Amino acid sequence: MTEEIRLGDQVQTRKKHPCGSDEWTVIRIGADIKIRCHGCGRIVMLDRQDFLRRRKRLIAQGPETQTKGDTAL
């Protein structure tokens, strides 16, 4: 599995959330990863290593971010 994490990624976790959903959306990236549950909307913050360990698969990848050097015409 790719280690790249993008804003807006939809991921499936190994264990279900207490609400019954196992699908999450990445809403913040940094040293910690913030994810939102698709079932109840709960927001959880995990450090990067915990996130990578708990992630089962990537459902849909978020949009590719532009770097400073790229110019869109």
N, C-alpha and C. Protein backbone atom coordinates (compact mmCIF):
# COMPACT_ATOMS: atom_id res chain seq x y z
N MET A 1 0.85 -1.18 0.00
CA MET A 1 0.00 0.00 0.00
C MET A 1 0.89 1.24 0.00
N THR A 2 0.46 2.23 -0.73
CA THR A 2 1.25 3.45 -0.82
C THR A 2 1.23 4.21 0.51
N GLU A 3 2.34 4.85 0.83
CA GLU A 3 2.47 5.61 2.07
C GLU A 3 1.97 7.04 1.91
N GLU A 4 1.69 7.46 0.66
CA GLU A 4 1.25 8.83 0.42
C GLU A 4 -0.16 9.03 0.98
N ILE A 5 -0.33 10.09 1.74
CA ILE A 5 -1.63 10.42 2.32
C ILE A 5 -2.02 11.78 1.77
N ARG A 6 -3.21 11.87 1.19
CA ARG A 6 -3.70 13.13 0.63
C ARG A 6 -4.91 13.61 1.40
N LEU A 7 -5.09 14.91 1.39
CA LEU A 7 -6.28 15.52 1.96
C LEU A 7 -7.48 15.06 1.14
N GLY A 8 -8.51 14.57 1.78
CA GLY A 8 -9.70 14.10 1.09
C GLY A 8 -9.70 12.61 0.78
N ASP A 9 -8.62 11.90 1.14
CA ASP A 9 -8.60 10.44 0.96
C ASP A 9 -9.74 9.80 1.74
N GLN A 10 -10.36 8.80 1.15
CA GLN A 10 -11.36 8.01 1.85
C GLN A 10 -10.73 6.65 2.12
N VAL A 11 -10.66 6.28 3.40
CA VAL A 11 -9.99 5.04 3.79
C VAL A 11 -10.92 4.14 4.59
N GLN A 12 -10.60 2.85 4.56
CA GLN A 12 -11.31 1.87 5.38
C GLN A 12 -10.35 1.44 6.48
N THR A 13 -10.85 1.35 7.72
CA THR A 13 -10.01 0.93 8.84
C THR A 13 -10.22 -0.55 9.14
N ARG A 14 -9.27 -1.11 9.87
CA ARG A 14 -9.34 -2.54 10.22
C ARG A 14 -10.49 -2.84 11.18
N LYS A 15 -10.74 -1.95 12.12
CA LYS A 15 -11.83 -2.13 13.08
C LYS A 15 -12.92 -1.11 12.80
N LYS A 16 -14.15 -1.49 13.12
CA LYS A 16 -15.28 -0.58 12.95
C LYS A 16 -15.34 0.41 14.11
N HIS A 17 -15.83 1.59 13.81
CA HIS A 17 -16.11 2.61 14.82
C HIS A 17 -17.34 2.15 15.60
N PRO A 18 -17.54 2.55 16.85
CA PRO A 18 -18.73 2.13 17.60
C PRO A 18 -20.06 2.42 16.89
N CYS A 19 -20.10 3.39 15.98
CA CYS A 19 -21.34 3.68 15.25
C CYS A 19 -21.61 2.63 14.18
N GLY A 20 -20.63 1.78 13.87
CA GLY A 20 -20.81 0.71 12.89
C GLY A 20 -20.12 0.96 11.56
N SER A 21 -19.61 2.16 11.34
CA SER A 21 -18.95 2.49 10.08
C SER A 21 -17.44 2.22 10.18
N ASP A 22 -16.85 1.81 9.06
CA ASP A 22 -15.39 1.63 9.03
C ASP A 22 -14.77 2.48 7.92
N GLU A 23 -15.52 3.49 7.43
CA GLU A 23 -15.02 4.38 6.39
C GLU A 23 -14.81 5.78 6.95
N TRP A 24 -13.66 6.37 6.59
CA TRP A 24 -13.25 7.67 7.12
C TRP A 24 -12.72 8.54 5.99
N THR A 25 -12.75 9.87 6.19
CA THR A 25 -12.18 10.83 5.25
C THR A 25 -11.08 11.61 5.96
N VAL A 26 -9.92 11.75 5.30
CA VAL A 26 -8.81 12.51 5.85
C VAL A 26 -9.12 14.00 5.70
N ILE A 27 -9.11 14.74 6.82
CA ILE A 27 -9.43 16.17 6.75
C ILE A 27 -8.25 17.06 7.15
N ARG A 28 -7.16 16.47 7.68
CA ARG A 28 -5.98 17.26 8.03
C ARG A 28 -4.77 16.34 7.96
N ILE A 29 -3.68 16.89 7.43
CA ILE A 29 -2.43 16.12 7.32
C ILE A 29 -1.31 16.93 7.96
N GLY A 30 -0.45 16.26 8.67
CA GLY A 30 0.71 16.87 9.31
C GLY A 30 1.42 15.78 10.08
N ALA A 31 1.98 16.13 11.24
CA ALA A 31 2.56 15.11 12.11
C ALA A 31 1.46 14.18 12.59
N ASP A 32 0.26 14.75 12.77
CA ASP A 32 -0.92 13.98 13.11
C ASP A 32 -1.87 13.98 11.92
N ILE A 33 -2.70 12.95 11.83
CA ILE A 33 -3.69 12.84 10.77
C ILE A 33 -5.07 12.96 11.42
N LYS A 34 -5.90 13.86 10.91
CA LYS A 34 -7.25 14.02 11.44
C LYS A 34 -8.22 13.40 10.43
N ILE A 35 -9.11 12.53 10.93
CA ILE A 35 -10.06 11.84 10.07
C ILE A 35 -11.48 12.02 10.59
N ARG A 36 -12.46 11.98 9.67
CA ARG A 36 -13.88 12.13 10.02
C ARG A 36 -14.62 10.86 9.63
N CYS A 37 -15.42 10.33 10.56
CA CYS A 37 -16.20 9.11 10.35
C CYS A 37 -17.34 9.39 9.37
N HIS A 38 -17.57 8.48 8.42
CA HIS A 38 -18.66 8.64 7.47
C HIS A 38 -20.01 8.34 8.11
N GLY A 39 -20.03 7.55 9.18
CA GLY A 39 -21.28 7.18 9.81
C GLY A 39 -21.86 8.25 10.71
N CYS A 40 -21.05 8.73 11.65
CA CYS A 40 -21.57 9.66 12.66
C CYS A 40 -20.95 11.05 12.60
N GLY A 41 -19.89 11.23 11.82
CA GLY A 41 -19.27 12.55 11.70
C GLY A 41 -18.24 12.85 12.77
N ARG A 42 -17.96 11.89 13.65
CA ARG A 42 -16.97 12.08 14.71
C ARG A 42 -15.60 12.33 14.10
N ILE A 43 -14.83 13.23 14.69
CA ILE A 43 -13.48 13.54 14.22
C ILE A 43 -12.48 12.97 15.21
N VAL A 44 -11.48 12.26 14.66
CA VAL A 44 -10.46 11.61 15.47
C VAL A 44 -9.10 12.03 14.94
N MET A 45 -8.16 12.28 15.86
CA MET A 45 -6.81 12.64 15.47
C MET A 45 -5.86 11.52 15.89
N LEU A 46 -5.07 11.02 14.94
CA LEU A 46 -4.11 9.94 15.18
C LEU A 46 -2.73 10.39 14.73
N ASP A 47 -1.68 9.89 15.39
CA ASP A 47 -0.37 10.18 14.84
C ASP A 47 -0.19 9.35 13.57
N ARG A 48 0.73 9.75 12.74
CA ARG A 48 0.89 9.15 11.41
C ARG A 48 1.11 7.64 11.47
N GLN A 49 1.93 7.16 12.40
CA GLN A 49 2.20 5.73 12.50
C GLN A 49 0.95 4.94 12.88
N ASP A 50 0.16 5.46 13.82
CA ASP A 50 -1.09 4.79 14.20
C ASP A 50 -2.06 4.75 13.01
N PHE A 51 -2.14 5.86 12.29
CA PHE A 51 -3.04 5.91 11.13
C PHE A 51 -2.64 4.86 10.09
N LEU A 52 -1.34 4.78 9.78
CA LEU A 52 -0.88 3.81 8.78
C LEU A 52 -1.11 2.38 9.24
N ARG A 53 -1.00 2.12 10.53
CA ARG A 53 -1.21 0.77 11.06
C ARG A 53 -2.70 0.40 11.05
N ARG A 54 -3.56 1.35 11.35
CA ARG A 54 -5.01 1.08 11.45
C ARG A 54 -5.73 1.09 10.11
N ARG A 55 -5.11 1.69 9.11
CA ARG A 55 -5.73 1.77 7.78
C ARG A 55 -5.70 0.40 7.11
N LYS A 56 -6.84 -0.01 6.56
CA LYS A 56 -6.93 -1.30 5.88
C LYS A 56 -6.70 -1.13 4.38
N ARG A 57 -7.45 -0.20 3.78
CA ARG A 57 -7.29 0.04 2.35
C ARG A 57 -7.75 1.45 2.00
N LEU A 58 -7.31 1.91 0.86
CA LEU A 58 -7.69 3.21 0.33
C LEU A 58 -8.91 3.01 -0.56
N ILE A 59 -10.03 3.65 -0.24
CA ILE A 59 -11.25 3.52 -1.03
C ILE A 59 -11.20 4.47 -2.23
N ALA A 60 -10.90 5.74 -1.97
CA ALA A 60 -10.79 6.74 -3.03
C ALA A 60 -9.73 7.75 -2.62
N GLN A 61 -8.86 8.08 -3.57
CA GLN A 61 -7.79 9.01 -3.28
C GLN A 61 -8.27 10.44 -3.48
N GLY A 62 -7.83 11.32 -2.60
CA GLY A 62 -8.19 12.73 -2.68
C GLY A 62 -7.53 13.39 -3.87
N PRO A 63 -7.91 14.63 -4.17
CA PRO A 63 -7.32 15.35 -5.30
C PRO A 63 -5.83 15.60 -5.07
N GLU A 64 -5.08 15.60 -6.16
CA GLU A 64 -3.65 15.86 -6.08
C GLU A 64 -3.42 17.33 -5.79
N THR A 65 -2.55 17.60 -4.82
CA THR A 65 -2.28 18.99 -4.45
C THR A 65 -1.23 19.58 -5.37
N GLN A 66 -1.33 20.89 -5.60
CA GLN A 66 -0.35 21.57 -6.43
C GLN A 66 0.78 22.07 -5.54
N THR A 67 1.99 22.00 -6.06
CA THR A 67 3.15 22.53 -5.33
C THR A 67 3.35 23.98 -5.73
N LYS A 68 4.18 24.70 -5.00
CA LYS A 68 4.42 26.12 -5.28
C LYS A 68 4.99 26.36 -6.67
N GLY A 69 5.81 25.45 -7.16
CA GLY A 69 6.45 25.62 -8.45
C GLY A 69 5.51 25.42 -9.63
N ASP A 70 4.42 24.69 -9.43
CA ASP A 70 3.47 24.44 -10.50
C ASP A 70 2.61 25.67 -10.74
N THR A 71 2.38 25.94 -12.01
CA THR A 71 1.47 27.05 -12.34
C THR A 71 0.36 26.49 -13.20
N ALA A 72 -0.85 26.77 -12.83
CA ALA A 72 -2.00 26.32 -13.62
C ALA A 72 -2.46 27.47 -14.50
N LEU A 73 -2.61 27.20 -15.78
CA LEU A 73 -3.07 28.23 -16.71
C LEU A 73 -4.52 28.01 -17.03
